[in-house]
Protein backbone atom coordinates (compact mmCIF):
# COMPACT_ATOMS: atom_id res chain seq x y z
CA MET A 1 89.85 135.87 93.70
CA SER A 2 88.65 132.67 92.00
CA GLU A 3 91.00 129.75 91.41
CA LEU A 4 90.63 127.31 88.51
CA PHE A 5 91.25 123.68 89.43
CA LYS A 6 92.68 121.69 86.51
CA MET A 7 93.14 117.98 85.84
CA PRO A 8 96.57 117.32 87.41
CA LYS A 9 99.40 115.31 85.86
CA LEU A 10 99.77 112.34 88.23
CA GLY A 11 102.51 110.46 86.42
CA PHE A 12 105.32 111.16 83.96
CA ASP A 13 103.40 109.46 81.12
CA MET A 14 99.85 110.54 82.05
CA ALA A 15 97.95 112.30 79.25
CA GLU A 16 94.40 112.00 80.58
CA GLY A 17 92.47 110.70 83.56
CA THR A 18 88.97 109.55 84.43
CA LEU A 19 87.20 111.67 87.03
CA SER A 20 85.97 108.96 89.42
CA ARG A 21 84.29 110.95 92.22
CA TRP A 22 83.86 114.45 93.55
CA VAL A 23 84.69 114.33 97.27
CA LYS A 24 83.60 117.94 97.82
CA GLN A 25 80.29 119.26 96.52
CA ILE A 26 79.07 122.64 95.28
CA GLY A 27 78.91 125.22 98.06
CA GLU A 28 81.22 123.32 100.42
CA GLU A 29 84.22 125.02 102.00
CA VAL A 30 87.54 123.65 100.78
CA ASN A 31 90.81 124.09 102.65
CA LYS A 32 94.21 123.77 101.07
CA GLY A 33 95.26 120.11 101.34
CA ASP A 34 91.68 118.77 101.50
CA ILE A 35 90.85 115.86 99.19
CA LEU A 36 88.81 117.49 96.44
CA VAL A 37 88.39 114.76 93.83
CA GLU A 38 89.34 111.16 93.00
CA VAL A 39 90.97 110.61 89.60
CA GLU A 40 91.52 107.25 87.91
CA THR A 41 94.81 107.11 86.02
CA ASP A 42 96.36 104.26 84.06
CA LYS A 43 97.83 103.05 87.34
CA ALA A 44 95.32 103.67 90.11
CA THR A 45 92.54 105.79 91.55
CA VAL A 46 94.31 108.74 93.17
CA GLU A 47 92.99 111.14 95.80
CA VAL A 48 93.81 114.68 94.60
CA GLU A 49 94.29 117.46 97.13
CA SER A 50 93.21 121.06 96.63
CA PHE A 51 96.06 123.52 96.11
CA ALA A 52 93.99 126.45 97.41
CA SER A 53 91.27 127.34 99.90
CA GLY A 54 87.81 128.70 99.15
CA ILE A 55 84.24 127.72 98.38
CA LEU A 56 83.65 125.16 95.60
CA ARG A 57 81.60 127.38 93.30
CA GLY A 58 81.40 125.30 90.14
CA ILE A 59 82.02 121.78 88.81
CA PHE A 60 82.50 121.43 85.05
CA VAL A 61 83.06 117.70 84.59
CA ASP A 62 80.80 114.88 85.75
CA GLU A 63 81.97 111.69 87.40
CA GLY A 64 83.02 109.11 84.82
CA ALA A 65 84.30 111.66 82.29
CA ILE A 66 87.71 111.20 80.66
CA VAL A 67 89.58 114.49 80.93
CA PRO A 68 92.93 115.57 79.42
CA VAL A 69 95.67 116.79 81.73
CA GLY A 70 95.42 120.56 82.21
CA ALA A 71 91.68 120.86 81.47
CA THR A 72 89.67 122.95 83.95
CA ILE A 73 87.37 120.77 86.04
CA ALA A 74 86.24 123.10 88.83
CA VAL A 75 86.44 126.63 90.18
CA LEU A 76 87.05 127.83 93.74
CA GLY A 77 86.15 131.30 95.00
CA THR A 78 84.52 133.31 97.75
CA SER A 79 80.80 132.98 98.46
CA ASP A 80 79.94 136.46 97.13
CA GLU A 81 82.31 136.54 94.16
CA GLU A 82 80.87 136.91 90.64
CA ILE A 83 82.13 134.15 88.33
CA ASP A 84 81.32 133.92 84.62
CA MET A 85 80.26 130.26 84.48
CA GLU A 86 79.23 130.37 80.81
CA THR A 87 82.66 131.53 79.68
CA LEU A 88 84.35 128.88 81.78
CA LYS A 89 81.96 126.27 80.39
CA ALA A 90 82.92 127.20 76.83
CA GLN A 91 86.62 126.98 77.68
CA VAL A 92 86.17 123.53 79.21
CA ALA A 93 84.17 122.31 76.20
CA GLU A 94 87.02 123.33 73.89
CA SER A 95 89.57 121.42 75.97
CA LEU A 96 87.65 118.12 75.99
CA PRO A 97 87.39 115.63 73.12
CA ASP A 98 84.35 116.23 70.91
CA ASP A 99 82.59 113.02 71.93
CA GLU A 100 82.82 113.99 75.61
CA GLU A 101 81.32 117.49 75.41
CA ASP A 102 77.62 116.61 75.31
CA ASP A 103 77.81 113.86 77.93
CA ASP A 104 80.23 115.25 80.47
CA VAL A 105 80.48 119.05 80.34
CA GLN A 106 77.50 119.83 82.55
CA PRO A 107 78.65 122.76 84.70
CA ARG A 108 77.24 122.78 88.18
CA SER A 109 76.94 125.80 90.44
CA GLU A 110 74.79 127.16 93.24
CA THR A 111 72.11 128.06 90.69
CA ALA A 112 72.30 124.67 89.00
CA PRO A 113 72.67 122.03 91.74
CA ALA A 114 74.27 118.69 90.97
CA GLU A 115 71.01 116.84 91.47
CA THR A 116 69.32 118.78 88.65
CA VAL A 117 71.85 117.56 86.11
CA ALA A 118 70.87 114.01 85.21
CA PRO A 119 73.20 112.31 82.71
CA THR A 120 71.51 109.90 80.36
CA ALA A 121 71.52 106.43 81.90
CA ALA A 122 72.73 103.51 79.81
CA PRO A 123 73.04 99.82 80.57
CA ALA A 124 76.43 98.77 81.90
CA PRO A 125 77.27 96.45 78.98
CA ALA A 126 77.62 98.99 76.16
CA SER A 127 76.42 98.45 72.61
CA ASP A 128 79.85 97.16 71.62
CA GLY A 129 79.65 94.42 74.26
CA MET A 130 82.25 96.04 76.49
CA PHE A 131 81.66 96.31 80.25
CA ARG A 132 82.60 99.70 81.69
CA VAL A 133 82.91 100.34 85.42
CA SER A 134 85.11 102.63 87.52
CA PRO A 135 87.41 101.08 90.16
CA VAL A 136 85.52 102.88 92.96
CA ALA A 137 82.16 101.54 91.76
CA GLN A 138 83.60 98.05 91.34
CA ARG A 139 84.95 98.10 94.89
CA MET A 140 81.59 99.28 96.29
CA ALA A 141 79.80 96.54 94.37
CA LEU A 142 82.13 93.84 95.70
CA GLU A 143 81.77 95.13 99.28
CA ASN A 144 77.97 95.16 99.08
CA GLY A 145 77.42 92.04 96.96
CA VAL A 146 75.97 93.96 94.00
CA ASP A 147 75.68 92.25 90.61
CA LEU A 148 76.93 94.98 88.25
CA ARG A 149 74.97 93.44 85.38
CA GLN A 150 71.83 94.79 87.05
CA VAL A 151 73.19 98.33 87.43
CA LYS A 152 72.62 101.03 84.81
CA GLY A 153 75.60 103.32 84.22
CA SER A 154 75.23 107.09 84.05
CA GLY A 155 78.85 107.93 83.23
CA ALA A 156 80.46 108.43 79.85
CA SER A 157 79.42 105.72 77.34
CA GLY A 158 77.29 103.98 79.97
CA ARG A 159 80.17 103.64 82.44
CA ILE A 160 79.07 102.59 85.93
CA VAL A 161 80.28 105.09 88.53
CA ARG A 162 79.92 105.41 92.29
CA ARG A 163 76.53 107.17 92.22
CA ASP A 164 75.03 104.34 90.15
CA VAL A 165 75.95 101.71 92.75
CA GLU A 166 74.67 103.98 95.54
CA ALA A 167 71.36 104.40 93.70
CA PHE A 168 71.10 100.64 93.21
CA LEU A 169 71.70 100.01 96.92
CA THR A 170 68.97 102.53 97.76
CA SER A 171 66.36 100.87 95.54
CA PRO A 172 67.47 97.43 94.29
CA PRO A 173 65.24 95.47 91.86
CA SER A 174 62.78 92.97 93.29
CA PRO A 175 64.42 89.58 93.85
CA GLY A 176 63.11 86.58 92.04
CA VAL A 177 63.88 83.86 89.54
CA SER A 178 62.21 83.70 86.14
CA THR A 179 59.99 80.77 85.19
CA ASP A 180 62.39 79.75 82.46
CA ALA A 181 65.28 79.79 84.93
CA LYS A 182 63.34 77.64 87.40
CA ALA A 183 62.39 75.14 84.70
CA SER A 184 65.96 75.00 83.50
CA THR A 185 67.24 74.40 87.04
CA THR A 186 64.67 71.65 87.68
CA GLY A 187 65.28 69.94 84.36
CA MET A 188 69.01 69.82 84.99
CA TRP A 189 68.48 67.22 87.71
CA LEU A 190 65.90 65.16 85.82
CA THR A 191 67.55 64.78 82.45
CA SER A 192 70.80 63.27 81.27
CA VAL A 193 73.85 65.47 81.13
CA GLU A 194 74.47 67.04 77.74
CA PRO A 195 77.54 68.91 76.52
CA VAL A 196 77.56 72.44 77.91
CA LYS A 197 77.56 75.17 75.30
CA ARG A 198 79.28 78.29 76.57
CA GLU A 199 79.47 81.53 74.66
CA ASP A 200 82.64 83.57 74.36
CA THR A 201 82.83 86.63 76.58
CA THR A 202 84.43 89.86 75.41
CA ILE A 203 85.80 92.08 78.16
CA LYS A 204 87.40 95.43 77.54
CA LEU A 205 90.89 95.71 79.00
CA THR A 206 91.02 98.12 81.92
CA ARG A 207 93.18 101.22 81.66
CA LEU A 208 95.54 99.61 84.17
CA ARG A 209 95.82 96.39 82.13
CA GLN A 210 96.43 98.40 78.94
CA ALA A 211 99.09 100.50 80.65
CA ILE A 212 100.88 97.43 81.99
CA GLY A 213 100.81 95.79 78.56
CA LYS A 214 102.11 98.90 76.84
CA ARG A 215 104.94 99.50 79.29
CA MET A 216 106.03 95.87 79.49
CA ALA A 217 105.94 95.39 75.72
CA ALA A 218 108.07 98.51 75.28
CA SER A 219 110.47 97.34 78.00
CA LYS A 220 110.90 93.83 76.60
CA SER A 221 111.28 94.98 72.99
CA THR A 222 113.63 97.94 73.57
CA LEU A 223 115.67 96.93 76.64
CA PRO A 224 118.21 94.11 76.09
CA HIS A 225 117.42 92.04 79.19
CA PHE A 226 119.79 89.54 80.74
CA TYR A 227 119.31 87.53 83.93
CA VAL A 228 121.45 86.34 86.84
CA THR A 229 120.05 83.96 89.48
CA SER A 230 121.38 83.24 92.95
CA ASP A 231 120.41 80.67 95.57
CA ILE A 232 120.32 82.34 98.98
CA ASP A 233 120.45 80.69 102.40
CA MET A 234 117.54 82.28 104.33
CA ALA A 235 117.86 80.35 107.59
CA ALA A 236 119.41 83.29 109.46
CA VAL A 237 116.77 85.71 108.15
CA MET A 238 113.93 83.42 109.25
CA ASP A 239 115.41 83.04 112.74
CA TYR A 240 116.09 86.76 113.11
CA ARG A 241 112.62 87.62 111.76
CA ALA A 242 110.99 85.46 114.44
CA GLN A 243 112.98 87.21 117.17
CA LEU A 244 112.30 90.67 115.75
CA ASN A 245 108.55 90.09 115.43
CA SER A 246 108.42 88.84 119.01
CA ALA A 247 110.09 92.07 120.16
CA LEU A 248 107.78 94.24 118.01
CA GLU A 249 104.57 92.45 118.96
CA ASP A 250 103.52 95.07 121.52
CA ARG A 251 103.90 97.79 118.86
CA GLY A 252 101.61 96.03 116.40
CA VAL A 253 104.37 95.73 113.79
CA LYS A 254 105.11 92.53 111.92
CA VAL A 255 108.15 92.35 109.66
CA SER A 256 107.85 90.15 106.56
CA VAL A 257 110.47 88.36 104.51
CA ASN A 258 109.83 90.95 101.80
CA ASP A 259 110.82 93.75 104.19
CA PHE A 260 114.20 92.06 104.68
CA ILE A 261 114.56 91.78 100.89
CA VAL A 262 113.77 95.48 100.36
CA LYS A 263 116.35 96.56 102.95
CA ALA A 264 118.99 94.14 101.64
CA VAL A 265 118.40 95.27 98.04
CA ALA A 266 118.70 98.93 99.02
CA LEU A 267 121.91 98.51 101.01
CA ALA A 268 123.55 96.52 98.21
CA LEU A 269 122.73 99.29 95.73
CA ARG A 270 124.95 101.73 97.63
CA ASP A 271 127.97 100.06 96.02
CA PHE A 272 126.37 99.49 92.59
CA SER A 273 125.16 102.90 91.40
CA ASN A 274 124.87 101.71 87.77
CA LEU A 275 121.93 99.56 88.84
CA ASN A 276 120.27 102.50 90.62
CA ALA A 277 120.18 104.60 87.48
CA VAL A 278 118.16 105.79 84.50
CA LEU A 279 119.39 105.85 80.90
CA GLU A 280 118.56 109.15 79.19
CA GLY A 281 119.71 109.08 75.58
CA SER A 282 123.49 108.65 75.62
CA GLN A 283 123.77 109.59 79.30
CA LEU A 284 123.41 107.45 82.41
CA VAL A 285 121.84 109.31 85.33
CA ARG A 286 122.87 107.68 88.59
CA LYS A 287 120.19 108.42 91.18
CA GLY A 288 121.31 109.89 94.47
CA ASN A 289 118.44 108.44 96.50
CA ILE A 290 117.69 104.74 96.67
CA ASN A 291 113.91 104.39 96.29
CA ILE A 292 112.75 100.78 96.12
CA GLY A 293 109.58 100.00 94.21
CA VAL A 294 107.57 97.05 95.50
CA ALA A 295 105.11 95.37 93.12
CA VAL A 296 101.66 94.97 94.71
CA ALA A 297 98.98 92.72 93.20
CA VAL A 298 95.63 94.50 92.72
CA GLU A 299 92.39 93.59 90.96
CA GLY A 300 93.16 93.34 87.25
CA GLY A 301 96.91 93.86 87.45
CA LEU A 302 99.66 95.20 89.66
CA LEU A 303 101.00 98.52 90.87
CA THR A 304 104.36 99.52 92.28
CA VAL A 305 104.47 101.37 95.61
CA VAL A 306 107.70 103.16 96.45
CA CYS A 307 109.67 103.03 99.70
CA LYS A 308 111.78 106.21 99.58
CA ASN A 309 115.37 106.11 100.89
CA ALA A 310 114.93 102.48 101.90
CA ASP A 311 118.64 102.05 102.64
CA ALA A 312 118.38 104.54 105.53
CA LYS A 313 115.23 103.11 107.14
CA SER A 314 114.79 100.40 109.74
CA LEU A 315 113.01 97.15 108.96
CA ALA A 316 110.09 98.28 111.14
CA GLN A 317 109.79 101.57 109.21
CA ILE A 318 109.90 99.74 105.88
CA SER A 319 107.23 97.30 107.08
CA VAL A 320 104.83 100.01 108.27
CA GLU A 321 105.26 102.17 105.14
CA ILE A 322 104.86 99.40 102.59
CA ARG A 323 101.77 97.96 104.31
CA ALA A 324 100.12 101.37 104.53
CA MET A 325 100.78 102.10 100.84
CA ALA A 326 99.61 98.63 99.77
CA MET A 327 96.35 99.09 101.70
CA ARG A 328 95.75 102.46 100.04
CA VAL A 329 96.45 100.99 96.59
CA ARG A 330 94.08 98.06 97.09
CA SER A 331 91.32 100.29 98.47
CA GLY A 332 91.64 102.84 95.67
CA LYS A 333 92.90 105.57 98.03
CA VAL A 334 96.44 105.82 96.73
CA HIS A 335 98.45 109.03 97.08
CA PRO A 336 100.47 110.23 94.06
CA ASP A 337 103.68 110.02 96.10
CA ASP A 338 102.98 106.32 96.85
CA ILE A 339 103.57 105.21 93.26
CA GLU A 340 106.11 107.64 91.80
CA GLY A 341 109.87 107.97 92.05
CA SER A 342 111.19 104.40 92.21
CA THR A 343 114.82 103.86 91.16
CA PHE A 344 114.90 100.03 91.43
CA THR A 345 111.96 97.61 91.62
CA THR A 346 111.44 94.32 93.46
CA SER A 347 108.80 91.71 92.67
CA ASN A 348 108.13 88.92 95.17
CA LEU A 349 105.89 85.96 94.27
CA GLY A 350 106.96 83.87 97.23
CA MET A 351 103.53 84.05 98.84
CA PHE A 352 102.14 82.22 95.79
CA ASP A 353 104.47 79.24 96.22
CA VAL A 354 106.58 80.27 93.20
CA GLU A 355 110.09 78.86 93.21
CA HIS A 356 111.69 81.07 90.58
CA PHE A 357 110.79 83.61 87.88
CA SER A 358 112.39 86.38 85.83
CA GLY A 359 110.58 89.74 85.83
CA ILE A 360 110.49 92.45 83.18
CA ILE A 361 112.35 95.68 83.98
CA ASN A 362 110.15 98.61 84.97
CA PRO A 363 111.24 101.44 82.63
CA PRO A 364 113.02 103.79 82.85
CA GLU A 365 114.90 101.84 85.55
CA ALA A 366 117.98 99.74 84.80
CA ALA A 367 117.16 96.58 86.76
CA LEU A 368 114.57 94.59 88.70
CA LEU A 369 114.87 91.83 91.30
CA SER A 370 112.49 88.84 91.30
CA THR A 371 112.25 86.58 94.35
CA GLY A 372 110.44 83.31 94.95
CA SER A 373 109.39 81.30 98.00
CA VAL A 374 111.57 80.52 100.99
CA GLN A 375 111.61 76.71 100.93
CA ASP A 376 113.09 73.82 102.88
CA VAL A 377 115.13 71.87 100.35
CA PRO A 378 117.81 69.16 100.40
CA VAL A 379 121.32 70.63 100.39
CA VAL A 380 124.85 69.27 100.72
CA LYS A 381 126.55 70.68 103.80
CA ASP A 382 130.03 69.60 104.88
CA GLY A 383 129.81 66.65 102.51
CA GLU A 384 126.52 65.42 103.96
CA LEU A 385 122.92 65.69 102.87
CA ALA A 386 120.90 68.05 105.04
CA ILE A 387 117.77 70.24 105.03
CA GLY A 388 118.41 73.85 104.06
CA THR A 389 116.22 76.97 103.93
CA ARG A 390 116.69 78.54 100.53
CA MET A 391 115.27 81.27 98.28
CA LYS A 392 116.03 81.91 94.62
CA ALA A 393 116.50 85.52 93.52
CA THR A 394 116.95 86.71 89.93
CA ILE A 395 118.08 90.11 88.74
CA SER A 396 116.82 91.30 85.34
CA ALA A 397 119.26 93.93 84.06
CA ASP A 398 119.56 96.26 81.08
CA HIS A 399 122.63 95.27 79.07
CA ARG A 400 123.01 98.84 77.80
CA VAL A 401 123.74 99.94 81.35
CA THR A 402 125.53 97.00 82.96
CA ASP A 403 126.89 93.55 82.23
CA GLY A 404 126.87 90.06 83.69
CA ALA A 405 129.93 90.49 85.89
CA GLU A 406 128.58 93.58 87.64
CA ALA A 407 125.13 92.03 88.07
CA ALA A 408 126.75 88.90 89.53
CA ARG A 409 128.75 90.98 92.02
CA TYR A 410 125.56 92.78 93.02
CA MET A 411 123.87 89.44 93.66
CA GLN A 412 126.83 88.42 95.83
CA ALA A 413 126.37 91.57 97.91
CA LEU A 414 122.61 90.93 98.20
CA LYS A 415 123.27 87.32 99.19
CA ARG A 416 125.73 88.43 101.87
CA ASN A 417 123.22 90.93 103.30
CA LEU A 418 120.53 88.27 103.62
CA GLU A 419 122.74 85.46 104.86
CA GLU A 420 124.19 87.79 107.51
CA PRO A 421 121.07 89.80 108.48
CA LEU A 422 122.90 91.76 111.22
CA ARG A 423 124.35 93.76 108.31
CA LEU A 424 120.85 95.17 107.82
CA MET A 425 121.00 96.73 111.28
CA LEU A 426 124.26 98.62 110.75
């Protein structure tokens, strides 16, 4: 019996997604759990697994198409099963926006191979001056040194997708510099320097950048933020980290300062359930599990990967999990479970030599912790000036859920966990 594969909902606020790449092709056998397709959401490019087994009999949406959640994008069945492709095609056309039907609903099947369906190619910079490229195509271009301005896009509205970069790599244009360019380059060294006239550049915000802007604007305008900052002595953490990494060296594991922060944050939340909560109308839902979100910088923005039940995991486990998820996010191979389900978020800019900052709460959570660099600074110890190892940490909290006194007590608990790192082992 045939199975219809629909655009999945990969986030609580996802309404549509861009189909980045078909991993399986027409006629290929698909097993349950196999990666079938890559979908670009507002947050990331996600690998989507098949929920059933069978032969991929038909594909109804081309790469680069924007598809609403729940729309049929493919059909699985047995090799000898009769499937009414025309009826399915009509159903898909009705579920897509009108301006997508002609460009993207090109059903493919055994009788109409993918290579016979050639979407109309368009230059990458569209007529409105916007530059459209999928994350997968952008990553391929960066890895292979491809100038995307020379690539023609075959996706929706001239969007550059994976197949366009692959085609360019197969038959790139002939290299060379125009006569005008050569003359301009030569003249630059022979004439006096004149003021440089540079034109403005208009770049369309990526879906990720738009999503970040929308969520942060809503958070800042609707959540009454307040902030509490603590100065934490990190000398013991740095010493213990050096010892721990020496012991873990043969296992290929390296624990970072951020791993200590994640564990300390999670343990402190055990006694402050109001900060590990979600406000739903007039009710506060205190989360049973402590899932720590970790902000990861990616091209064009940031994403939050989630370390589930961080309070119950060792520092080595936290280190391995977060690194694996961060690598998947940055390579565009993120799993849906990597970025969903956080109950409290941390943001660390210490690697950028940032002393102190105050982050914006990640809704619908109640709080977020921002941490800066671990620095050697002058401190007064026992009445004398000395060198201390310090880190500033700031909690941003929702005043509807908690208040300054509770947030301050939480910061005391966090400070105690980091200044006495053996607590993280108990």
